PDB file of all heavy atoms in Angstrom:
ATOM      1  N   LEU A   1    -247.077  -3.917  41.444  1.00  0.00           N
ATOM      2  CA  LEU A   1    -246.786  -2.452  41.382  1.00  0.00           C
ATOM      3  C   LEU A   1    -247.298  -1.853  42.726  1.00  0.00           C
ATOM      4  O   LEU A   1    -248.432  -2.168  43.098  1.00  0.00           O
ATOM      5  CB  LEU A   1    -247.583  -1.830  40.234  1.00  0.00           C
ATOM      6  CG  LEU A   1    -247.429  -0.332  40.135  1.00  0.00           C
ATOM      7  CD1 LEU A   1    -246.040   0.120  39.736  1.00  0.00           C
ATOM      8  CD2 LEU A   1    -248.453   0.181  39.041  1.00  0.00           C
ATOM      9  N   TRP A   2    -246.475  -1.096  43.385  1.00  0.00           N
ATOM     10  CA  TRP A   2    -246.814  -0.331  44.510  1.00  0.00           C
ATOM     11  C   TRP A   2    -247.153   1.095  44.109  1.00  0.00           C
ATOM     12  O   TRP A   2    -246.386   1.638  43.276  1.00  0.00           O
ATOM     13  CB  TRP A   2    -245.770  -0.341  45.576  1.00  0.00           C
ATOM     14  CG  TRP A   2    -245.670  -1.586  46.401  1.00  0.00           C
ATOM     15  CD1 TRP A   2    -246.563  -2.634  46.294  1.00  0.00           C
ATOM     16  CD2 TRP A   2    -244.636  -1.934  47.320  1.00  0.00           C
ATOM     17  NE1 TRP A   2    -246.174  -3.629  47.227  1.00  0.00           N
ATOM     18  CE2 TRP A   2    -245.056  -3.147  47.936  1.00  0.00           C
ATOM     19  CE3 TRP A   2    -243.604  -1.222  47.902  1.00  0.00           C
ATOM     20  CZ2 TRP A   2    -244.295  -3.766  48.838  1.00  0.00           C
ATOM     21  CZ3 TRP A   2    -242.841  -1.830  48.833  1.00  0.00           C
ATOM     22  CH2 TRP A   2    -243.195  -3.054  49.357  1.00  0.00           C
ATOM     23  N   LEU A   3    -248.240   1.596  44.662  1.00  0.00           N
ATOM     24  CA  LEU A   3    -248.563   3.063  44.385  1.00  0.00           C
ATOM     25  C   LEU A   3    -248.345   3.936  45.625  1.00  0.00           C
ATOM     26  O   LEU A   3    -248.610   3.549  46.733  1.00  0.00           O
ATOM     27  CB  LEU A   3    -250.018   3.058  43.873  1.00  0.00           C
ATOM     28  CG  LEU A   3    -250.380   2.249  42.631  1.00  0.00           C
ATOM     29  CD1 LEU A   3    -251.816   2.302  42.339  1.00  0.00           C
ATOM     30  CD2 LEU A   3    -249.621   2.872  41.398  1.00  0.00           C
ATOM     31  N   ASP A   4    -247.994   5.132  45.354  1.00  0.00           N
ATOM     32  CA  ASP A   4    -247.993   6.196  46.368  1.00  0.00           C
ATOM     33  C   ASP A   4    -249.405   6.619  46.669  1.00  0.00           C
ATOM     34  O   ASP A   4    -250.421   6.286  46.058  1.00  0.00           O
ATOM     35  CB  ASP A   4    -247.189   7.441  45.840  1.00  0.00           C
ATOM     36  CG  ASP A   4    -246.539   8.132  46.941  1.00  0.00           C
ATOM     37  OD1 ASP A   4    -246.876   8.040  48.151  1.00  0.00           O
ATOM     38  OD2 ASP A   4    -245.464   8.811  46.599  1.00  0.00           O
ATOM     39  N   ARG A   5    -249.556   7.375  47.838  1.00  0.00           N
ATOM     40  CA  ARG A   5    -250.852   7.762  48.210  1.00  0.00           C
ATOM     41  C   ARG A   5    -251.498   8.825  47.198  1.00  0.00           C
ATOM     42  O   ARG A   5    -252.765   8.859  47.144  1.00  0.00           O
ATOM     43  CB  ARG A   5    -250.794   8.400  49.595  1.00  0.00           C
ATOM     44  CG  ARG A   5    -250.681   7.353  50.696  1.00  0.00           C
ATOM     45  CD  ARG A   5    -250.709   8.092  52.057  1.00  0.00           C
ATOM     46  NE  ARG A   5    -252.021   8.557  52.403  1.00  0.00           N
ATOM     47  CZ  ARG A   5    -252.327   9.355  53.436  1.00  0.00           C
ATOM     48  NH1 ARG A   5    -251.186   9.721  54.211  1.00  0.00           N
ATOM     49  NH2 ARG A   5    -253.511   9.768  53.742  1.00  0.00           N
ATOM     50  N   ASP A   6    -250.699   9.405  46.427  1.00  0.00           N
ATOM     51  CA  ASP A   6    -251.155  10.362  45.426  1.00  0.00           C
ATOM     52  C   ASP A   6    -251.526   9.593  44.080  1.00  0.00           C
ATOM     53  O   ASP A   6    -251.979  10.227  43.103  1.00  0.00           O
ATOM     54  CB  ASP A   6    -250.238  11.503  45.171  1.00  0.00           C
ATOM     55  CG  ASP A   6    -248.933  11.048  44.576  1.00  0.00           C
ATOM     56  OD1 ASP A   6    -248.791   9.826  44.237  1.00  0.00           O
ATOM     57  OD2 ASP A   6    -248.028  11.840  44.305  1.00  0.00           O
ATOM     58  N   GLY A   7    -251.376   8.178  44.133  1.00  0.00           N
ATOM     59  CA  GLY A   7    -251.733   7.427  42.969  1.00  0.00           C
ATOM     60  C   GLY A   7    -250.637   7.173  41.919  1.00  0.00           C
ATOM     61  O   GLY A   7    -250.827   6.522  41.015  1.00  0.00           O
ATOM     62  N   SER A   8    -249.438   7.858  42.219  1.00  0.00           N
ATOM     63  CA  SER A   8    -248.327   7.603  41.242  1.00  0.00           C
ATOM     64  C   SER A   8    -247.650   6.395  41.567  1.00  0.00           C
ATOM     65  O   SER A   8    -247.520   5.940  42.742  1.00  0.00           O
ATOM     66  CB  SER A   8    -247.372   8.850  41.328  1.00  0.00           C
ATOM     67  OG  SER A   8    -246.883   9.006  42.766  1.00  0.00           O
ATOM     68  N   PRO A   9    -246.900   5.708  40.608  1.00  0.00           N
ATOM     69  CA  PRO A   9    -246.184   4.459  40.856  1.00  0.00           C
ATOM     70  C   PRO A   9    -245.033   4.764  41.798  1.00  0.00           C
ATOM     71  O   PRO A   9    -244.291   5.781  41.740  1.00  0.00           O
ATOM     72  CB  PRO A   9    -245.605   4.086  39.496  1.00  0.00           C
ATOM     73  CG  PRO A   9    -246.577   4.776  38.507  1.00  0.00           C
ATOM     74  CD  PRO A   9    -247.081   6.063  39.206  1.00  0.00           C
ATOM     75  N   PHE A  10    -244.830   3.841  42.790  1.00  0.00           N
ATOM     76  CA  PHE A  10    -243.894   3.953  43.799  1.00  0.00           C
ATOM     77  C   PHE A  10    -242.692   2.894  43.642  1.00  0.00           C
ATOM     78  O   PHE A  10    -241.538   3.235  43.877  1.00  0.00           O
ATOM     79  CB  PHE A  10    -244.581   3.701  45.126  1.00  0.00           C
ATOM     80  CG  PHE A  10    -243.768   3.865  46.377  1.00  0.00           C
ATOM     81  CD1 PHE A  10    -243.412   5.214  46.751  1.00  0.00           C
ATOM     82  CD2 PHE A  10    -243.328   2.869  47.165  1.00  0.00           C
ATOM     83  CE1 PHE A  10    -242.606   5.336  47.892  1.00  0.00           C
ATOM     84  CE2 PHE A  10    -242.537   3.064  48.358  1.00  0.00           C
ATOM     85  CZ  PHE A  10    -242.253   4.346  48.731  1.00  0.00           C
ATOM     86  N   ALA A  11    -243.061   1.648  43.238  1.00  0.00           N
ATOM     87  CA  ALA A  11    -242.040   0.652  43.016  1.00  0.00           C
ATOM     88  C   ALA A  11    -242.652  -0.382  42.192  1.00  0.00           C
ATOM     89  O   ALA A  11    -243.940  -0.799  42.279  1.00  0.00           O
ATOM     90  CB  ALA A  11    -241.546   0.116  44.348  1.00  0.00           C
ATOM     91  N   ALA A  12    -241.962  -1.055  41.257  1.00  0.00           N
ATOM     92  CA  ALA A  12    -242.365  -2.188  40.416  1.00  0.00           C
ATOM     93  C   ALA A  12    -241.454  -3.298  40.691  1.00  0.00           C
ATOM     94  O   ALA A  12    -240.182  -3.206  40.916  1.00  0.00           O
ATOM     95  CB  ALA A  12    -242.156  -1.804  38.916  1.00  0.00           C
ATOM     96  N   PHE A  13    -242.028  -4.466  40.712  1.00  0.00           N
ATOM     97  CA  PHE A  13    -241.402  -5.771  41.044  1.00  0.00           C
ATOM     98  C   PHE A  13    -241.306  -6.677  39.826  1.00  0.00           C
ATOM     99  O   PHE A  13    -242.348  -6.843  39.137  1.00  0.00           O
ATOM    100  CB  PHE A  13    -242.077  -6.501  42.186  1.00  0.00           C
ATOM    101  CG  PHE A  13    -242.172  -5.643  43.523  1.00  0.00           C
ATOM    102  CD1 PHE A  13    -242.989  -4.674  43.700  1.00  0.00           C
ATOM    103  CD2 PHE A  13    -241.351  -6.024  44.558  1.00  0.00           C
ATOM    104  CE1 PHE A  13    -243.082  -3.902  44.853  1.00  0.00           C
ATOM    105  CE2 PHE A  13    -241.318  -5.362  45.718  1.00  0.00           C
ATOM    106  CZ  PHE A  13    -242.153  -4.326  45.919  1.00  0.00           C
ATOM    107  N   PHE A  14    -240.186  -7.324  39.576  1.00  0.00           N
ATOM    108  CA  PHE A  14    -240.020  -8.314  38.636  1.00  0.00           C
ATOM    109  C   PHE A  14    -239.106  -9.356  39.145  1.00  0.00           C
ATOM    110  O   PHE A  14    -238.456  -9.215  40.147  1.00  0.00           O
ATOM    111  CB  PHE A  14    -239.559  -7.749  37.237  1.00  0.00           C
ATOM    112  CG  PHE A  14    -238.131  -7.125  37.402  1.00  0.00           C
ATOM    113  CD1 PHE A  14    -237.001  -7.833  37.082  1.00  0.00           C
ATOM    114  CD2 PHE A  14    -238.020  -5.800  37.778  1.00  0.00           C
ATOM    115  CE1 PHE A  14    -235.747  -7.289  37.209  1.00  0.00           C
ATOM    116  CE2 PHE A  14    -236.677  -5.157  37.876  1.00  0.00           C
ATOM    117  CZ  PHE A  14    -235.661  -5.916  37.624  1.00  0.00           C
ATOM    118  N   THR A  15    -239.059 -10.516  38.467  1.00  0.00           N
ATOM    119  CA  THR A  15    -238.147 -11.634  38.875  1.00  0.00           C
ATOM    120  C   THR A  15    -237.308 -12.025  37.754  1.00  0.00           C
ATOM    121  O   THR A  15    -237.788 -12.409  36.649  1.00  0.00           O
ATOM    122  CB  THR A  15    -239.008 -12.798  39.368  1.00  0.00           C
ATOM    123  OG1 THR A  15    -239.913 -12.367  40.330  1.00  0.00           O
ATOM    124  CG2 THR A  15    -238.162 -13.933  39.829  1.00  0.00           C
ATOM    125  N   ASP A  16    -235.965 -11.966  37.965  1.00  0.00           N
ATOM    126  CA  ASP A  16    -235.062 -12.617  37.026  1.00  0.00           C
ATOM    127  C   ASP A  16    -234.794 -14.013  37.476  1.00  0.00           C
ATOM    128  O   ASP A  16    -235.443 -14.869  37.165  1.00  0.00           O
ATOM    129  CB  ASP A  16    -233.857 -11.766  36.779  1.00  0.00           C
ATOM    130  CG  ASP A  16    -233.166 -11.243  38.065  1.00  0.00           C
ATOM    131  OD1 ASP A  16    -233.320 -11.729  39.125  1.00  0.00           O
ATOM    132  OD2 ASP A  16    -232.473 -10.247  38.050  1.00  0.00           O
ATOM    133  N   ASP A  17    -233.855 -14.149  38.414  1.00  0.00           N
ATOM    134  CA  ASP A  17    -233.754 -15.378  39.080  1.00  0.00           C
ATOM    135  C   ASP A  17    -234.234 -15.121  40.548  1.00  0.00           C
ATOM    136  O   ASP A  17    -234.777 -16.068  41.201  1.00  0.00           O
ATOM    137  CB  ASP A  17    -232.305 -15.836  39.171  1.00  0.00           C
ATOM    138  CG  ASP A  17    -231.921 -16.541  37.945  1.00  0.00           C
ATOM    139  OD1 ASP A  17    -232.677 -17.233  37.408  1.00  0.00           O
ATOM    140  OD2 ASP A  17    -230.828 -16.240  37.275  1.00  0.00           O
ATOM    141  N   ARG A  18    -234.153 -13.914  41.048  1.00  0.00           N
ATOM    142  CA  ARG A  18    -234.705 -13.513  42.316  1.00  0.00           C
ATOM    143  C   ARG A  18    -235.650 -12.349  42.171  1.00  0.00           C
ATOM    144  O   ARG A  18    -235.717 -11.715  41.117  1.00  0.00           O
ATOM    145  CB  ARG A  18    -233.546 -13.000  43.344  1.00  0.00           C
ATOM    146  CG  ARG A  18    -232.429 -14.013  43.645  1.00  0.00           C
ATOM    147  CD  ARG A  18    -231.477 -13.322  44.647  1.00  0.00           C
ATOM    148  NE  ARG A  18    -230.451 -14.277  45.039  1.00  0.00           N
ATOM    149  CZ  ARG A  18    -229.309 -14.278  44.470  1.00  0.00           C
ATOM    150  NH1 ARG A  18    -229.037 -13.533  43.387  1.00  0.00           N
ATOM    151  NH2 ARG A  18    -228.353 -15.158  44.807  1.00  0.00           N
ATOM    152  N   GLU A  19    -236.442 -12.115  43.154  1.00  0.00           N
ATOM    153  CA  GLU A  19    -237.400 -10.988  43.142  1.00  0.00           C
ATOM    154  C   GLU A  19    -236.453  -9.623  43.058  1.00  0.00           C
ATOM    155  O   GLU A  19    -235.583  -9.507  43.876  1.00  0.00           O
ATOM    156  CB  GLU A  19    -238.320 -10.854  44.233  1.00  0.00           C
ATOM    157  CG  GLU A  19    -239.279  -9.668  44.193  1.00  0.00           C
ATOM    158  CD  GLU A  19    -240.237  -9.573  45.434  1.00  0.00           C
ATOM    159  OE1 GLU A  19    -239.868  -9.176  46.452  1.00  0.00           O
ATOM    160  OE2 GLU A  19    -241.373 -10.139  45.245  1.00  0.00           O
ATOM    161  N   GLN A  20    -236.757  -8.759  42.202  1.00  0.00           N
ATOM    162  CA  GLN A  20    -235.986  -7.537  42.095  1.00  0.00           C
ATOM    163  C   GLN A  20    -237.020  -6.354  42.254  1.00  0.00           C
ATOM    164  O   GLN A  20    -238.242  -6.481  41.859  1.00  0.00           O
ATOM    165  CB  GLN A  20    -235.257  -7.421  40.806  1.00  0.00           C
ATOM    166  CG  GLN A  20    -234.252  -8.515  40.561  1.00  0.00           C
ATOM    167  CD  GLN A  20    -233.136  -8.503  41.391  1.00  0.00           C
ATOM    168  OE1 GLN A  20    -232.851  -7.634  42.221  1.00  0.00           O
ATOM    169  NE2 GLN A  20    -232.345  -9.589  41.290  1.00  0.00           N
ATOM    170  N   ILE A  21    -236.530  -5.211  42.669  1.00  0.00           N
ATOM    171  CA  ILE A  21    -237.417  -4.007  42.742  1.00  0.00           C
ATOM    172  C   ILE A  21    -236.781  -2.927  42.004  1.00  0.00           C
ATOM    173  O   ILE A  21    -235.565  -2.562  42.039  1.00  0.00           O
ATOM    174  CB  ILE A  21    -237.539  -3.544  44.247  1.00  0.00           C
ATOM    175  CG1 ILE A  21    -238.011  -4.659  45.200  1.00  0.00           C
ATOM    176  CG2 ILE A  21    -238.531  -2.380  44.370  1.00  0.00           C
ATOM    177  CD1 ILE A  21    -238.003  -4.302  46.581  1.00  0.00           C
ATOM    178  N   HIS A  22    -237.681  -2.301  41.225  1.00  0.00           N
ATOM    179  CA  HIS A  22    -237.299  -1.008  40.523  1.00  0.00           C
ATOM    180  C   HIS A  22    -237.982   0.152  41.261  1.00  0.00           C
ATOM    181  O   HIS A  22    -239.180   0.231  41.238  1.00  0.00           O
ATOM    182  CB  HIS A  22    -237.632  -0.954  39.034  1.00  0.00           C
ATOM    183  CG  HIS A  22    -237.165   0.249  38.344  1.00  0.00           C
ATOM    184  ND1 HIS A  22    -235.986   0.417  37.664  1.00  0.00           N
ATOM    185  CD2 HIS A  22    -237.726   1.473  38.292  1.00  0.00           C
ATOM    186  CE1 HIS A  22    -235.924   1.528  37.191  1.00  0.00           C
ATOM    187  NE2 HIS A  22    -236.958   2.288  37.532  1.00  0.00           N
ATOM    188  N   TRP A  23    -237.299   0.980  41.945  1.00  0.00           N
ATOM    189  CA  TRP A  23    -237.867   2.018  42.714  1.00  0.00           C
ATOM    190  C   TRP A  23    -238.019   3.289  41.782  1.00  0.00           C
ATOM    191  O   TRP A  23    -237.139   3.804  41.210  1.00  0.00           O
ATOM    192  CB  TRP A  23    -236.916   2.451  43.871  1.00  0.00           C
ATOM    193  CG  TRP A  23    -236.783   1.322  44.869  1.00  0.00           C
ATOM    194  CD1 TRP A  23    -235.780   0.384  45.005  1.00  0.00           C
ATOM    195  CD2 TRP A  23    -237.725   1.050  45.942  1.00  0.00           C
ATOM    196  NE1 TRP A  23    -236.019  -0.529  45.970  1.00  0.00           N
ATOM    197  CE2 TRP A  23    -237.192  -0.165  46.642  1.00  0.00           C
ATOM    198  CE3 TRP A  23    -238.948   1.456  46.321  1.00  0.00           C
ATOM    199  CZ2 TRP A  23    -237.932  -0.687  47.748  1.00  0.00           C
ATOM    200  CZ3 TRP A  23    -239.567   0.979  47.429  1.00  0.00           C
ATOM    201  CH2 TRP A  23    -239.047  -0.166  48.059  1.00  0.00           C
ATOM    202  N   PHE A  24    -239.290   3.834  41.854  1.00  0.00           N
ATOM    203  CA  PHE A  24    -239.475   5.124  41.259  1.00  0.00           C
ATOM    204  C   PHE A  24    -239.334   6.286  42.331  1.00  0.00           C
ATOM    205  O   PHE A  24    -239.049   7.325  42.033  1.00  0.00           O
ATOM    206  CB  PHE A  24    -241.008   5.181  40.764  1.00  0.00           C
ATOM    207  CG  PHE A  24    -241.205   4.117  39.786  1.00  0.00           C
ATOM    208  CD1 PHE A  24    -242.134   3.075  40.069  1.00  0.00           C
ATOM    209  CD2 PHE A  24    -240.520   4.022  38.543  1.00  0.00           C
ATOM    210  CE1 PHE A  24    -242.381   2.014  39.165  1.00  0.00           C
ATOM    211  CE2 PHE A  24    -240.795   3.009  37.672  1.00  0.00           C
ATOM    212  CZ  PHE A  24    -241.702   2.049  37.981  1.00  0.00           C
ATOM    213  N   ASN A  25    -239.389   5.878  43.687  1.00  0.00           N
ATOM    214  CA  ASN A  25    -239.193   6.648  44.733  1.00  0.00           C
ATOM    215  C   ASN A  25    -237.585   6.623  45.108  1.00  0.00           C
ATOM    216  O   ASN A  25    -237.197   5.634  45.662  1.00  0.00           O
ATOM    217  CB  ASN A  25    -239.905   6.339  45.988  1.00  0.00           C
ATOM    218  CG  ASN A  25    -239.842   7.169  47.086  1.00  0.00           C
ATOM    219  OD1 ASN A  25    -238.745   7.283  47.738  1.00  0.00           O
ATOM    220  ND2 ASN A  25    -240.874   7.910  47.460  1.00  0.00           N
ATOM    221  N   GLU A  26    -236.867   7.635  44.690  1.00  0.00           N
ATOM    222  CA  GLU A  26    -235.444   7.601  44.821  1.00  0.00           C
ATOM    223  C   GLU A  26    -234.988   7.517  46.225  1.00  0.00           C
ATOM    224  O   GLU A  26    -234.056   6.785  46.685  1.00  0.00           O
ATOM    225  CB  GLU A  26    -234.720   8.727  44.117  1.00  0.00           C
ATOM    226  CG  GLU A  26    -234.971   8.681  42.629  1.00  0.00           C
ATOM    227  CD  GLU A  26    -234.384   9.905  42.030  1.00  0.00           C
ATOM    228  OE1 GLU A  26    -233.954  10.875  42.705  1.00  0.00           O
ATOM    229  OE2 GLU A  26    -234.223   9.941  40.722  1.00  0.00           O
ATOM    230  N   GLU A  27    -235.633   8.219  47.136  1.00  0.00           N
ATOM    231  CA  GLU A  27    -235.311   8.148  48.596  1.00  0.00           C
ATOM    232  C   GLU A  27    -235.548   6.746  49.138  1.00  0.00           C
ATOM    233  O   GLU A  27    -234.631   6.366  49.917  1.00  0.00           O
ATOM    234  CB  GLU A  27    -236.119   9.235  49.324  1.00  0.00           C
ATOM    235  CG  GLU A  27    -235.859   9.270  50.871  1.00  0.00           C
ATOM    236  CD  GLU A  27    -236.737  10.265  51.557  1.00  0.00           C
ATOM    237  OE1 GLU A  27    -236.985  11.295  50.932  1.00  0.00           O
ATOM    238  OE2 GLU A  27    -237.154  10.013  52.686  1.00  0.00           O
ATOM    239  N   MET A  28    -236.599   6.169  48.813  1.00  0.00           N
ATOM    240  CA  MET A  28    -236.887   4.782  49.384  1.00  0.00           C
ATOM    241  C   MET A  28    -235.817   3.796  48.732  1.00  0.00           C
ATOM    242  O   MET A  28    -235.410   2.895  49.491  1.00  0.00           O
ATOM    243  CB  MET A  28    -238.337   4.417  49.016  1.00  0.00           C
ATOM    244  CG  MET A  28    -238.728   3.101  49.841  1.00  0.00           C
ATOM    245  SD  MET A  28    -238.726   3.237  51.624  1.00  0.00           S
ATOM    246  CE  MET A  28    -238.818   1.554  51.977  1.00  0.00           C
ATOM    247  N   GLY A  29    -235.621   3.959  47.501  1.00  0.00           N
ATOM    248  CA  GLY A  29    -234.651   3.069  46.900  1.00  0.00           C
ATOM    249  C   GLY A  29    -233.283   3.145  47.506  1.00  0.00           C
ATOM    250  O   GLY A  29    -232.554   2.098  47.679  1.00  0.00           O
TER     251      GLY A  29
END
């Protein structure tokens, strides 16, 4: 889990067959 500087979740990582990212930050996604 990556966090923003304000402490809120920024992105979560999981692996199906490859590493995948679920972005909570829409602009960065």
